PDB file of N, CA and C in Angstrom:
ATOM      1  N   MET A   1      14.715  -1.330 -11.946  1.00  0.00           N
ATOM      2  CA  MET A   1      15.276  -0.190 -11.249  1.00  0.00           C
ATOM      3  C   MET A   1      14.877  -0.201  -9.766  1.00  0.00           C
ATOM      4  N   TYR A   2      13.628  -0.598  -9.500  1.00  0.00           N
ATOM      5  CA  TYR A   2      13.205  -0.648  -8.093  1.00  0.00           C
ATOM      6  C   TYR A   2      13.979  -1.717  -7.320  1.00  0.00           C
ATOM      7  N   LYS A   3      14.319  -2.813  -7.986  1.00  0.00           N
ATOM      8  CA  LYS A   3      15.123  -3.840  -7.326  1.00  0.00           C
ATOM      9  C   LYS A   3      16.525  -3.317  -7.031  1.00  0.00           C
ATOM     10  N   LYS A   4      17.093  -2.548  -7.961  1.00  0.00           N
ATOM     11  CA  LYS A   4      18.402  -1.946  -7.719  1.00  0.00           C
ATOM     12  C   LYS A   4      18.317  -0.948  -6.564  1.00  0.00           C
ATOM     13  N   ALA A   5      17.250  -0.164  -6.541  1.00  0.00           N
ATOM     14  CA  ALA A   5      17.061   0.790  -5.447  1.00  0.00           C
ATOM     15  C   ALA A   5      16.946   0.060  -4.119  1.00  0.00           C
ATOM     16  N   LEU A   6      16.212  -1.053  -4.111  1.00  0.00           N
ATOM     17  CA  LEU A   6      16.066  -1.833  -2.888  1.00  0.00           C
ATOM     18  C   LEU A   6      17.428  -2.314  -2.407  1.00  0.00           C
ATOM     19  N   ASP A   7      18.233  -2.837  -3.324  1.00  0.00           N
ATOM     20  CA  ASP A   7      19.574  -3.306  -2.948  1.00  0.00           C
ATOM     21  C   ASP A   7      20.408  -2.179  -2.332  1.00  0.00           C
ATOM     22  N   LEU A   8      20.347  -1.007  -2.938  1.00  0.00           N
ATOM     23  CA  LEU A   8      21.113   0.132  -2.417  1.00  0.00           C
ATOM     24  C   LEU A   8      20.623   0.542  -1.029  1.00  0.00           C
ATOM     25  N   HIS A   9      19.310   0.594  -0.858  1.00  0.00           N
ATOM     26  CA  HIS A   9      18.763   0.967   0.450  1.00  0.00           C
ATOM     27  C   HIS A   9      19.105  -0.079   1.515  1.00  0.00           C
ATOM     28  N   GLU A  10      19.112  -1.336   1.107  1.00  0.00           N
ATOM     29  CA  GLU A  10      19.512  -2.390   2.054  1.00  0.00           C
ATOM     30  C   GLU A  10      20.965  -2.196   2.462  1.00  0.00           C
ATOM     31  N   ASP A  11      21.840  -1.929   1.486  1.00  0.00           N
ATOM     32  CA  ASP A  11      23.259  -1.707   1.779  1.00  0.00           C
ATOM     33  C   ASP A  11      23.465  -0.523   2.718  1.00  0.00           C
ATOM     34  N   LEU A  12      22.624   0.503   2.547  1.00  0.00           N
ATOM     35  CA  LEU A  12      22.725   1.708   3.384  1.00  0.00           C
ATOM     36  C   LEU A  12      22.005   1.555   4.722  1.00  0.00           C
ATOM     37  N   GLY A  13      21.214   0.507   4.847  1.00  0.00           N
ATOM     38  CA  GLY A  13      20.428   0.321   6.067  1.00  0.00           C
ATOM     39  C   GLY A  13      19.272   1.299   6.176  1.00  0.00           C
ATOM     40  N   SER A  14      18.798   1.799   5.046  1.00  0.00           N
ATOM     41  CA  SER A  14      17.701   2.771   5.024  1.00  0.00           C
ATOM     42  C   SER A  14      16.362   2.053   4.974  1.00  0.00           C
ATOM     43  N   LYS A  15      15.729   1.920   6.141  1.00  0.00           N
ATOM     44  CA  LYS A  15      14.432   1.237   6.197  1.00  0.00           C
ATOM     45  C   LYS A  15      13.359   2.020   5.444  1.00  0.00           C
ATOM     46  N   GLU A  16      13.419   3.335   5.509  1.00  0.00           N
ATOM     47  CA  GLU A  16      12.446   4.150   4.776  1.00  0.00           C
ATOM     48  C   GLU A  16      12.591   3.925   3.271  1.00  0.00           C
ATOM     49  N   GLY A  17      13.817   3.915   2.797  1.00  0.00           N
ATOM     50  CA  GLY A  17      14.056   3.663   1.384  1.00  0.00           C
ATOM     51  C   GLY A  17      13.638   2.266   0.968  1.00  0.00           C
ATOM     52  N   MET A  18      13.894   1.292   1.845  1.00  0.00           N
ATOM     53  CA  MET A  18      13.482  -0.076   1.561  1.00  0.00           C
ATOM     54  C   MET A  18      11.961  -0.172   1.487  1.00  0.00           C
ATOM     55  N   ALA A  19      11.272   0.489   2.413  1.00  0.00           N
ATOM     56  CA  ALA A  19       9.807   0.470   2.407  1.00  0.00           C
ATOM     57  C   ALA A  19       9.271   1.055   1.103  1.00  0.00           C
ATOM     58  N   ASN A  20       9.847   2.167   0.674  1.00  0.00           N
ATOM     59  CA  ASN A  20       9.418   2.780  -0.586  1.00  0.00           C
ATOM     60  C   ASN A  20       9.656   1.848  -1.765  1.00  0.00           C
ATOM     61  N   ALA A  21      10.819   1.215  -1.798  1.00  0.00           N
ATOM     62  CA  ALA A  21      11.141   0.320  -2.908  1.00  0.00           C
ATOM     63  C   ALA A  21      10.212  -0.891  -2.926  1.00  0.00           C
ATOM     64  N   TYR A  22       9.967  -1.478  -1.749  1.00  0.00           N
ATOM     65  CA  TYR A  22       9.037  -2.609  -1.687  1.00  0.00           C
ATOM     66  C   TYR A  22       7.635  -2.189  -2.139  1.00  0.00           C
ATOM     67  N   GLY A  23       7.201  -1.010  -1.714  1.00  0.00           N
ATOM     68  CA  GLY A  23       5.883  -0.520  -2.123  1.00  0.00           C
ATOM     69  C   GLY A  23       5.798  -0.333  -3.628  1.00  0.00           C
ATOM     70  N   ASN A  24       6.840   0.249  -4.205  1.00  0.00           N
ATOM     71  CA  ASN A  24       6.869   0.436  -5.656  1.00  0.00           C
ATOM     72  C   ASN A  24       6.890  -0.902  -6.391  1.00  0.00           C
ATOM     73  N   LEU A  25       7.663  -1.839  -5.883  1.00  0.00           N
ATOM     74  CA  LEU A  25       7.682  -3.171  -6.492  1.00  0.00           C
ATOM     75  C   LEU A  25       6.301  -3.827  -6.405  1.00  0.00           C
ATOM     76  N   GLY A  26       5.648  -3.658  -5.259  1.00  0.00           N
ATOM     77  CA  GLY A  26       4.307  -4.207  -5.100  1.00  0.00           C
ATOM     78  C   GLY A  26       3.344  -3.661  -6.136  1.00  0.00           C
ATOM     79  N   ASN A  27       3.442  -2.370  -6.404  1.00  0.00           N
ATOM     80  CA  ASN A  27       2.563  -1.766  -7.407  1.00  0.00           C
ATOM     81  C   ASN A  27       2.876  -2.273  -8.804  1.00  0.00           C
ATOM     82  N   VAL A  28       4.146  -2.482  -9.103  1.00  0.00           N
ATOM     83  CA  VAL A  28       4.516  -3.028 -10.412  1.00  0.00           C
ATOM     84  C   VAL A  28       3.941  -4.434 -10.567  1.00  0.00           C
ATOM     85  N   TYR A  29       4.101  -5.263  -9.539  1.00  0.00           N
ATOM     86  CA  TYR A  29       3.561  -6.621  -9.610  1.00  0.00           C
ATOM     87  C   TYR A  29       2.037  -6.601  -9.742  1.00  0.00           C
ATOM     88  N   ARG A  30       1.368  -5.681  -9.040  1.00  0.00           N
ATOM     89  CA  ARG A  30      -0.093  -5.561  -9.146  1.00  0.00           C
ATOM     90  C   ARG A  30      -0.489  -5.219 -10.580  1.00  0.00           C
ATOM     91  N   ILE A  31       0.188  -4.267 -11.159  1.00  0.00           N
ATOM     92  CA  ILE A  31      -0.121  -3.851 -12.531  1.00  0.00           C
ATOM     93  C   ILE A  31       0.117  -4.998 -13.516  1.00  0.00           C
ATOM     94  N   ARG A  32       1.140  -5.787 -13.240  1.00  0.00           N
ATOM     95  CA  ARG A  32       1.444  -6.938 -14.103  1.00  0.00           C
ATOM     96  C   ARG A  32       0.475  -8.106 -13.886  1.00  0.00           C
ATOM     97  N   GLY A  33      -0.301  -8.054 -12.812  1.00  0.00           N
ATOM     98  CA  GLY A  33      -1.247  -9.124 -12.526  1.00  0.00           C
ATOM     99  C   GLY A  33      -0.712 -10.211 -11.617  1.00  0.00           C
ATOM    100  N   ASP A  34       0.501 -10.038 -11.083  1.00  0.00           N
ATOM    101  CA  ASP A  34       1.086 -11.014 -10.158  1.00  0.00           C
ATOM    102  C   ASP A  34       0.690 -10.588  -8.739  1.00  0.00           C
ATOM    103  N   LEU A  35      -0.543 -10.937  -8.374  1.00  0.00           N
ATOM    104  CA  LEU A  35      -1.102 -10.436  -7.115  1.00  0.00           C
ATOM    105  C   LEU A  35      -0.442 -11.045  -5.883  1.00  0.00           C
ATOM    106  N   ALA A  36       0.004 -12.282  -5.971  1.00  0.00           N
ATOM    107  CA  ALA A  36       0.684 -12.897  -4.829  1.00  0.00           C
ATOM    108  C   ALA A  36       1.990 -12.164  -4.525  1.00  0.00           C
ATOM    109  N   GLN A  37       2.747 -11.871  -5.563  1.00  0.00           N
ATOM    110  CA  GLN A  37       4.010 -11.163  -5.375  1.00  0.00           C
ATOM    111  C   GLN A  37       3.751  -9.723  -4.940  1.00  0.00           C
ATOM    112  N   ALA A  38       2.710  -9.109  -5.492  1.00  0.00           N
ATOM    113  CA  ALA A  38       2.346  -7.743  -5.096  1.00  0.00           C
ATOM    114  C   ALA A  38       2.037  -7.702  -3.608  1.00  0.00           C
ATOM    115  N   GLU A  39       1.218  -8.640  -3.151  1.00  0.00           N
ATOM    116  CA  GLU A  39       0.854  -8.686  -1.735  1.00  0.00           C
ATOM    117  C   GLU A  39       2.086  -8.874  -0.854  1.00  0.00           C
ATOM    118  N   ALA A  40       2.981  -9.751  -1.264  1.00  0.00           N
ATOM    119  CA  ALA A  40       4.197 -10.003  -0.477  1.00  0.00           C
ATOM    120  C   ALA A  40       5.051  -8.744  -0.360  1.00  0.00           C
ATOM    121  N   MET A  41       5.240  -8.050  -1.460  1.00  0.00           N
ATOM    122  CA  MET A  41       6.049  -6.828  -1.437  1.00  0.00           C
ATOM    123  C   MET A  41       5.383  -5.740  -0.591  1.00  0.00           C
ATOM    124  N   LEU A  42       4.080  -5.577  -0.742  1.00  0.00           N
ATOM    125  CA  LEU A  42       3.368  -4.544   0.009  1.00  0.00           C
ATOM    126  C   LEU A  42       3.371  -4.843   1.506  1.00  0.00           C
ATOM    127  N   LYS A  43       3.285  -6.105   1.868  1.00  0.00           N
ATOM    128  CA  LYS A  43       3.339  -6.463   3.286  1.00  0.00           C
ATOM    129  C   LYS A  43       4.726  -6.198   3.876  1.00  0.00           C
ATOM    130  N   LYS A  44       5.780  -6.426   3.087  1.00  0.00           N
ATOM    131  CA  LYS A  44       7.129  -6.092   3.557  1.00  0.00           C
ATOM    132  C   LYS A  44       7.256  -4.584   3.767  1.00  0.00           C
ATOM    133  N   ALA A  45       6.701  -3.823   2.819  1.00  0.00           N
ATOM    134  CA  ALA A  45       6.725  -2.365   2.954  1.00  0.00           C
ATOM    135  C   ALA A  45       5.944  -1.933   4.189  1.00  0.00           C
ATOM    136  N   LEU A  46       4.776  -2.537   4.386  1.00  0.00           N
ATOM    137  CA  LEU A  46       3.948  -2.197   5.536  1.00  0.00           C
ATOM    138  C   LEU A  46       4.669  -2.496   6.849  1.00  0.00           C
ATOM    139  N   ASP A  47       5.317  -3.647   6.927  1.00  0.00           N
ATOM    140  CA  ASP A  47       6.063  -4.006   8.143  1.00  0.00           C
ATOM    141  C   ASP A  47       7.129  -2.956   8.460  1.00  0.00           C
ATOM    142  N   LEU A  48       7.844  -2.519   7.432  1.00  0.00           N
ATOM    143  CA  LEU A  48       8.884  -1.504   7.638  1.00  0.00           C
ATOM    144  C   LEU A  48       8.267  -0.167   8.044  1.00  0.00           C
ATOM    145  N   ASP A  49       7.181   0.231   7.378  1.00  0.00           N
ATOM    146  CA  ASP A  49       6.528   1.491   7.729  1.00  0.00           C
ATOM    147  C   ASP A  49       5.979   1.463   9.151  1.00  0.00           C
ATOM    148  N   GLU A  50       5.449   0.316   9.561  1.00  0.00           N
ATOM    149  CA  GLU A  50       4.973   0.185  10.945  1.00  0.00           C
ATOM    150  C   GLU A  50       6.134   0.331  11.927  1.00  0.00           C
ATOM    151  N   ALA A  51       7.251  -0.324  11.636  1.00  0.00           N
ATOM    152  CA  ALA A  51       8.426  -0.242  12.507  1.00  0.00           C
ATOM    153  C   ALA A  51       8.941   1.190  12.608  1.00  0.00           C
ATOM    154  N   LEU A  52       8.817   1.932  11.521  1.00  0.00           N
ATOM    155  CA  LEU A  52       9.260   3.327  11.497  1.00  0.00           C
ATOM    156  C   LEU A  52       8.223   4.281  12.089  1.00  0.00           C
ATOM    157  N   GLY A  53       6.998   3.802  12.263  1.00  0.00           N
ATOM    158  CA  GLY A  53       5.927   4.672  12.734  1.00  0.00           C
ATOM    159  C   GLY A  53       5.475   5.661  11.673  1.00  0.00           C
ATOM    160  N   SER A  54       5.635   5.311  10.405  1.00  0.00           N
ATOM    161  CA  SER A  54       5.283   6.195   9.294  1.00  0.00           C
ATOM    162  C   SER A  54       3.815   6.022   8.928  1.00  0.00           C
ATOM    163  N   LYS A  55       2.983   6.947   9.415  1.00  0.00           N
ATOM    164  CA  LYS A  55       1.556   6.861   9.108  1.00  0.00           C
ATOM    165  C   LYS A  55       1.305   7.007   7.611  1.00  0.00           C
ATOM    166  N   GLN A  56       2.038   7.886   6.969  1.00  0.00           N
ATOM    167  CA  GLN A  56       1.850   8.063   5.529  1.00  0.00           C
ATOM    168  C   GLN A  56       2.224   6.784   4.783  1.00  0.00           C
ATOM    169  N   GLY A  57       3.335   6.198   5.145  1.00  0.00           N
ATOM    170  CA  GLY A  57       3.751   4.954   4.502  1.00  0.00           C
ATOM    171  C   GLY A  57       2.744   3.840   4.737  1.00  0.00           C
ATOM    172  N   MET A  58       2.281   3.707   5.982  1.00  0.00           N
ATOM    173  CA  MET A  58       1.289   2.678   6.283  1.00  0.00           C
ATOM    174  C   MET A  58       0.005   2.923   5.494  1.00  0.00           C
ATOM    175  N   ALA A  59      -0.423   4.177   5.424  1.00  0.00           N
ATOM    176  CA  ALA A  59      -1.639   4.509   4.679  1.00  0.00           C
ATOM    177  C   ALA A  59      -1.487   4.125   3.214  1.00  0.00           C
ATOM    178  N   ASN A  60      -0.329   4.421   2.639  1.00  0.00           N
ATOM    179  CA  ASN A  60      -0.080   4.048   1.242  1.00  0.00           C
ATOM    180  C   ASN A  60      -0.157   2.541   1.050  1.00  0.00           C
ATOM    181  N   GLN A  61       0.484   1.799   1.934  1.00  0.00           N
ATOM    182  CA  GLN A  61       0.522   0.340   1.771  1.00  0.00           C
ATOM    183  C   GLN A  61      -0.857  -0.274   1.990  1.00  0.00           C
ATOM    184  N   TYR A  62      -1.596   0.210   2.995  1.00  0.00           N
ATOM    185  CA  TYR A  62      -2.954  -0.312   3.196  1.00  0.00           C
ATOM    186  C   TYR A  62      -3.817  -0.044   1.967  1.00  0.00           C
ATOM    187  N   GLY A  63      -3.686   1.148   1.396  1.00  0.00           N
ATOM    188  CA  GLY A  63      -4.447   1.466   0.192  1.00  0.00           C
ATOM    189  C   GLY A  63      -4.075   0.555  -0.967  1.00  0.00           C
ATOM    190  N   ASN A  64      -2.787   0.337  -1.152  1.00  0.00           N
ATOM    191  CA  ASN A  64      -2.333  -0.534  -2.236  1.00  0.00           C
ATOM    192  C   ASN A  64      -2.765  -1.983  -2.010  1.00  0.00           C
ATOM    193  N   LEU A  65      -2.720  -2.436  -0.770  1.00  0.00           N
ATOM    194  CA  LEU A  65      -3.217  -3.784  -0.469  1.00  0.00           C
ATOM    195  C   LEU A  65      -4.718  -3.868  -0.755  1.00  0.00           C
ATOM    196  N   GLY A  66      -5.439  -2.804  -0.440  1.00  0.00           N
ATOM    197  CA  GLY A  66      -6.865  -2.781  -0.746  1.00  0.00           C
ATOM    198  C   GLY A  66      -7.134  -2.976  -2.226  1.00  0.00           C
ATOM    199  N   LEU A  67      -6.302  -2.357  -3.064  1.00  0.00           N
ATOM    200  CA  LEU A  67      -6.456  -2.523  -4.512  1.00  0.00           C
ATOM    201  C   LEU A  67      -6.182  -3.962  -4.935  1.00  0.00           C
ATOM    202  N   VAL A  68      -5.184  -4.585  -4.325  1.00  0.00           N
ATOM    203  CA  VAL A  68      -4.872  -5.986  -4.641  1.00  0.00           C
ATOM    204  C   VAL A  68      -6.065  -6.871  -4.282  1.00  0.00           C
ATOM    205  N   TYR A  69      -6.614  -6.676  -3.087  1.00  0.00           N
ATOM    206  CA  TYR A  69      -7.738  -7.514  -2.656  1.00  0.00           C
ATOM    207  C   TYR A  69      -8.980  -7.253  -3.501  1.00  0.00           C
ATOM    208  N   ARG A  70      -9.178  -6.022  -3.929  1.00  0.00           N
ATOM    209  CA  ARG A  70     -10.312  -5.711  -4.803  1.00  0.00           C
ATOM    210  C   ARG A  70     -10.188  -6.477  -6.116  1.00  0.00           C
ATOM    211  N   ILE A  71      -8.996  -6.486  -6.696  1.00  0.00           N
ATOM    212  CA  ILE A  71      -8.783  -7.213  -7.948  1.00  0.00           C
ATOM    213  C   ILE A  71      -9.046  -8.699  -7.761  1.00  0.00           C
ATOM    214  N   ARG A  72      -8.646  -9.228  -6.605  1.00  0.00           N
ATOM    215  CA  ARG A  72      -8.874 -10.649  -6.310  1.00  0.00           C
ATOM    216  C   ARG A  72     -10.352 -10.969  -6.094  1.00  0.00           C
ATOM    217  N   GLY A  73     -11.142  -9.944  -5.842  1.00  0.00           N
ATOM    218  CA  GLY A  73     -12.553 -10.164  -5.555  1.00  0.00           C
ATOM    219  C   GLY A  73     -12.851 -10.342  -4.085  1.00  0.00           C
ATOM    220  N   ASP A  74     -11.847 -10.136  -3.233  1.00  0.00           N
ATOM    221  CA  ASP A  74     -12.030 -10.222  -1.778  1.00  0.00           C
ATOM    222  C   ASP A  74     -12.441  -8.839  -1.282  1.00  0.00           C
ATOM    223  N   LEU A  75     -13.724  -8.526  -1.479  1.00  0.00           N
ATOM    224  CA  LEU A  75     -14.193  -7.174  -1.207  1.00  0.00           C
ATOM    225  C   LEU A  75     -14.190  -6.825   0.276  1.00  0.00           C
ATOM    226  N   ALA A  76     -14.409  -7.807   1.132  1.00  0.00           N
ATOM    227  CA  ALA A  76     -14.382  -7.534   2.574  1.00  0.00           C
ATOM    228  C   ALA A  76     -12.975  -7.127   3.013  1.00  0.00           C
ATOM    229  N   GLN A  77     -11.977  -7.852   2.542  1.00  0.00           N
ATOM    230  CA  GLN A  77     -10.590  -7.529   2.890  1.00  0.00           C
ATOM    231  C   GLN A  77     -10.177  -6.208   2.253  1.00  0.00           C
ATOM    232  N   ALA A  78     -10.618  -5.983   1.015  1.00  0.00           N
ATOM    233  CA  ALA A  78     -10.312  -4.720   0.339  1.00  0.00           C
ATOM    234  C   ALA A  78     -10.883  -3.557   1.146  1.00  0.00           C
ATOM    235  N   GLU A  79     -12.124  -3.692   1.584  1.00  0.00           N
ATOM    236  CA  GLU A  79     -12.747  -2.622   2.361  1.00  0.00           C
ATOM    237  C   GLU A  79     -12.003  -2.378   3.670  1.00  0.00           C
ATOM    238  N   ALA A  80     -11.595  -3.446   4.334  1.00  0.00           N
ATOM    239  CA  ALA A  80     -10.860  -3.307   5.599  1.00  0.00           C
ATOM    240  C   ALA A  80      -9.554  -2.544   5.397  1.00  0.00           C
ATOM    241  N   MET A  81      -8.820  -2.891   4.347  1.00  0.00           N
ATOM    242  CA  MET A  81      -7.549  -2.225   4.068  1.00  0.00           C
ATOM    243  C   MET A  81      -7.769  -0.760   3.689  1.00  0.00           C
ATOM    244  N   LEU A  82      -8.763  -0.505   2.867  1.00  0.00           N
ATOM    245  CA  LEU A  82      -9.028   0.869   2.443  1.00  0.00           C
ATOM    246  C   LEU A  82      -9.485   1.737   3.610  1.00  0.00           C
ATOM    247  N   LYS A  83     -10.249   1.161   4.535  1.00  0.00           N
ATOM    248  CA  LYS A  83     -10.678   1.926   5.712  1.00  0.00           C
ATOM    249  C   LYS A  83      -9.479   2.300   6.586  1.00  0.00           C
ATOM    250  N   LYS A  84      -8.536   1.369   6.739  1.00  0.00           N
ATOM    251  CA  LYS A  84      -7.320   1.676   7.508  1.00  0.00           C
ATOM    252  C   LYS A  84      -6.531   2.786   6.825  1.00  0.00           C
ATOM    253  N   SER A  85      -6.434   2.694   5.509  1.00  0.00           N
ATOM    254  CA  SER A  85      -5.729   3.715   4.736  1.00  0.00           C
ATOM    255  C   SER A  85      -6.395   5.073   4.924  1.00  0.00           C
ATOM    256  N   LEU A  86      -7.698   5.102   4.779  1.00  0.00           N
ATOM    257  CA  LEU A  86      -8.457   6.346   4.910  1.00  0.00           C
ATOM    258  C   LEU A  86      -8.252   6.976   6.283  1.00  0.00           C
ATOM    259  N   GLU A  87      -8.341   6.168   7.322  1.00  0.00           N
ATOM    260  CA  GLU A  87      -8.188   6.678   8.691  1.00  0.00           C
ATOM    261  C   GLU A  87      -6.807   7.307   8.902  1.00  0.00           C
ATOM    262  N   LEU A  88      -5.782   6.636   8.404  1.00  0.00           N
ATOM    263  CA  LEU A  88      -4.430   7.168   8.566  1.00  0.00           C
ATOM    264  C   LEU A  88      -4.235   8.456   7.769  1.00  0.00           C
ATOM    265  N   PHE A  89      -4.741   8.503   6.554  1.00  0.00           N
ATOM    266  CA  PHE A  89      -4.636   9.732   5.767  1.00  0.00           C
ATOM    267  C   PHE A  89      -5.412  10.865   6.436  1.00  0.00           C
ATOM    268  N   GLN A  90      -6.552  10.552   7.041  1.00  0.00           N
ATOM    269  CA  GLN A  90      -7.305  11.574   7.774  1.00  0.00           C
ATOM    270  C   GLN A  90      -6.497  12.072   8.969  1.00  0.00           C
ATOM    271  N   ASP A  91      -5.843  11.154   9.674  1.00  0.00           N
ATOM    272  CA  ASP A  91      -5.039  11.512  10.847  1.00  0.00           C
ATOM    273  C   ASP A  91      -3.928  12.500  10.507  1.00  0.00           C
ATOM    274  N   ILE A  92      -3.344  12.348   9.321  1.00  0.00           N
ATOM    275  CA  ILE A  92      -2.222  13.232   8.959  1.00  0.00           C
ATOM    276  C   ILE A  92      -2.673  14.422   8.121  1.00  0.00           C
ATOM    277  N   GLY A  93      -3.957  14.497   7.842  1.00  0.00           N
ATOM    278  CA  GLY A  93      -4.486  15.642   7.102  1.00  0.00           C
ATOM    279  C   GLY A  93      -4.128  15.662   5.627  1.00  0.00           C
ATOM    280  N   ALA A  94      -3.992  14.493   5.039  1.00  0.00           N
ATOM    281  CA  ALA A  94      -3.639  14.380   3.617  1.00  0.00           C
ATOM    282  C   ALA A  94      -4.923  14.387   2.781  1.00  0.00           C
ATOM    283  N   VAL A  95      -5.450  15.576   2.544  1.00  0.00           N
ATOM    284  CA  VAL A  95      -6.759  15.731   1.912  1.00  0.00           C
ATOM    285  C   VAL A  95      -6.856  15.066   0.538  1.00  0.00           C
ATOM    286  N   PRO A  96      -5.898  15.271  -0.379  1.00  0.00           N
ATOM    287  CA  PRO A  96      -6.042  14.613  -1.695  1.00  0.00           C
ATOM    288  C   PRO A  96      -6.105  13.086  -1.589  1.00  0.00           C
ATOM    289  N   GLN A  97      -5.293  12.521  -0.690  1.00  0.00           N
ATOM    290  CA  GLN A  97      -5.296  11.075  -0.516  1.00  0.00           C
ATOM    291  C   GLN A  97      -6.591  10.597   0.137  1.00  0.00           C
ATOM    292  N   VAL A  98      -7.119  11.386   1.072  1.00  0.00           N
ATOM    293  CA  VAL A  98      -8.408  11.044   1.690  1.00  0.00           C
ATOM    294  C   VAL A  98      -9.475  10.955   0.607  1.00  0.00           C
ATOM    295  N   GLU A  99      -9.507  11.944  -0.275  1.00  0.00           N
ATOM    296  CA  GLU A  99     -10.509  11.955  -1.342  1.00  0.00           C
ATOM    297  C   GLU A  99     -10.326  10.772  -2.296  1.00  0.00           C
ATOM    298  N   LEU A 100      -9.078  10.442  -2.615  1.00  0.00           N
ATOM    299  CA  LEU A 100      -8.794   9.322  -3.504  1.00  0.00           C
ATOM    300  C   LEU A 100      -9.277   8.005  -2.903  1.00  0.00           C
ATOM    301  N   VAL A 101      -8.877   7.752  -1.661  1.00  0.00           N
ATOM    302  CA  VAL A 101      -9.231   6.490  -1.007  1.00  0.00           C
ATOM    303  C   VAL A 101     -10.739   6.428  -0.767  1.00  0.00           C
ATOM    304  N   GLN A 102     -11.360   7.553  -0.420  1.00  0.00           N
ATOM    305  CA  GLN A 102     -12.810   7.561  -0.241  1.00  0.00           C
ATOM    306  C   GLN A 102     -13.499   7.193  -1.551  1.00  0.00           C
ATOM    307  N   GLY A 103     -12.971   7.675  -2.658  1.00  0.00           N
ATOM    308  CA  GLY A 103     -13.511   7.311  -3.965  1.00  0.00           C
ATOM    309  C   GLY A 103     -13.392   5.817  -4.236  1.00  0.00           C
ATOM    310  N   TRP A 104     -12.257   5.234  -3.850  1.00  0.00           N
ATOM    311  CA  TRP A 104     -12.090   3.778  -4.019  1.00  0.00           C
ATOM    312  C   TRP A 104     -13.104   3.024  -3.168  1.00  0.00           C
ATOM    313  N   LEU A 105     -13.295   3.487  -1.925  1.00  0.00           N
ATOM    314  CA  LEU A 105     -14.271   2.845  -1.045  1.00  0.00           C
ATOM    315  C   LEU A 105     -15.686   2.960  -1.610  1.00  0.00           C
ATOM    316  N   ASP A 106     -16.039   4.139  -2.079  1.00  0.00           N
ATOM    317  CA  ASP A 106     -17.367   4.345  -2.653  1.00  0.00           C
ATOM    318  C   ASP A 106     -17.568   3.427  -3.855  1.00  0.00           C
ATOM    319  N   GLY A 107     -16.552   3.303  -4.704  1.00  0.00           N
ATOM    320  CA  GLY A 107     -16.632   2.414  -5.860  1.00  0.00           C
ATOM    321  C   GLY A 107     -16.734   0.965  -5.455  1.00  0.00           C
ATOM    322  N   LEU A 108     -16.050   0.602  -4.403  1.00  0.00           N
ATOM    323  CA  LEU A 108     -16.086  -0.765  -3.899  1.00  0.00           C
ATOM    324  C   LEU A 108     -17.484  -1.111  -3.410  1.00  0.00           C
ATOM    325  N   ARG A 109     -18.102  -0.195  -2.703  1.00  0.00           N
ATOM    326  CA  ARG A 109     -19.441  -0.429  -2.161  1.00  0.00           C
ATOM    327  C   ARG A 109     -20.480  -0.538  -3.269  1.00  0.00           C
ATOM    328  N   LYS A 110     -20.267   0.172  -4.372  1.00  0.00           N
ATOM    329  CA  LYS A 110     -21.183   0.101  -5.504  1.00  0.00           C
ATOM    330  C   LYS A 110     -21.108  -1.260  -6.203  1.00  0.00           C
ATOM    331  N   SER A 111     -19.929  -1.906  -6.101  1.00  0.00           N
ATOM    332  CA  SER A 111     -19.755  -3.193  -6.778  1.00  0.00           C
ATOM    333  C   SER A 111     -20.244  -4.363  -5.939  1.00  0.00           C
ATOM    334  N   ASP A 112     -20.673  -4.078  -4.700  1.00  0.00           N
ATOM    335  CA  ASP A 112     -21.206  -5.165  -3.839  1.00  0.00           C
ATOM    336  C   ASP A 112     -22.493  -5.716  -4.390  1.00  0.00           C
TER     337      ASP A 112
END
């Protein structure tokens, strides 16, 4: 369904919709364990969110990339991505997301 949504958003020229679809696809691939494909999809989403200037979108993608890197065992990269996510969520005042990402960071530091 996310691939169909991506096709529709591409046809409409909706970069925001494409970013959302790529992000959702990235999460599906992460859950399935296909981390290379997850990273590729999340980076496409991030590129679109950056082009749009969407801090919320960028924060989401950085957080999701952080989860991918954590699973891979690249804790330094995971921490870098999660810190970027946290900063952006703080900038927009997204308190629940700040708390969520801070929890991921705290858990990451405990696993060092």
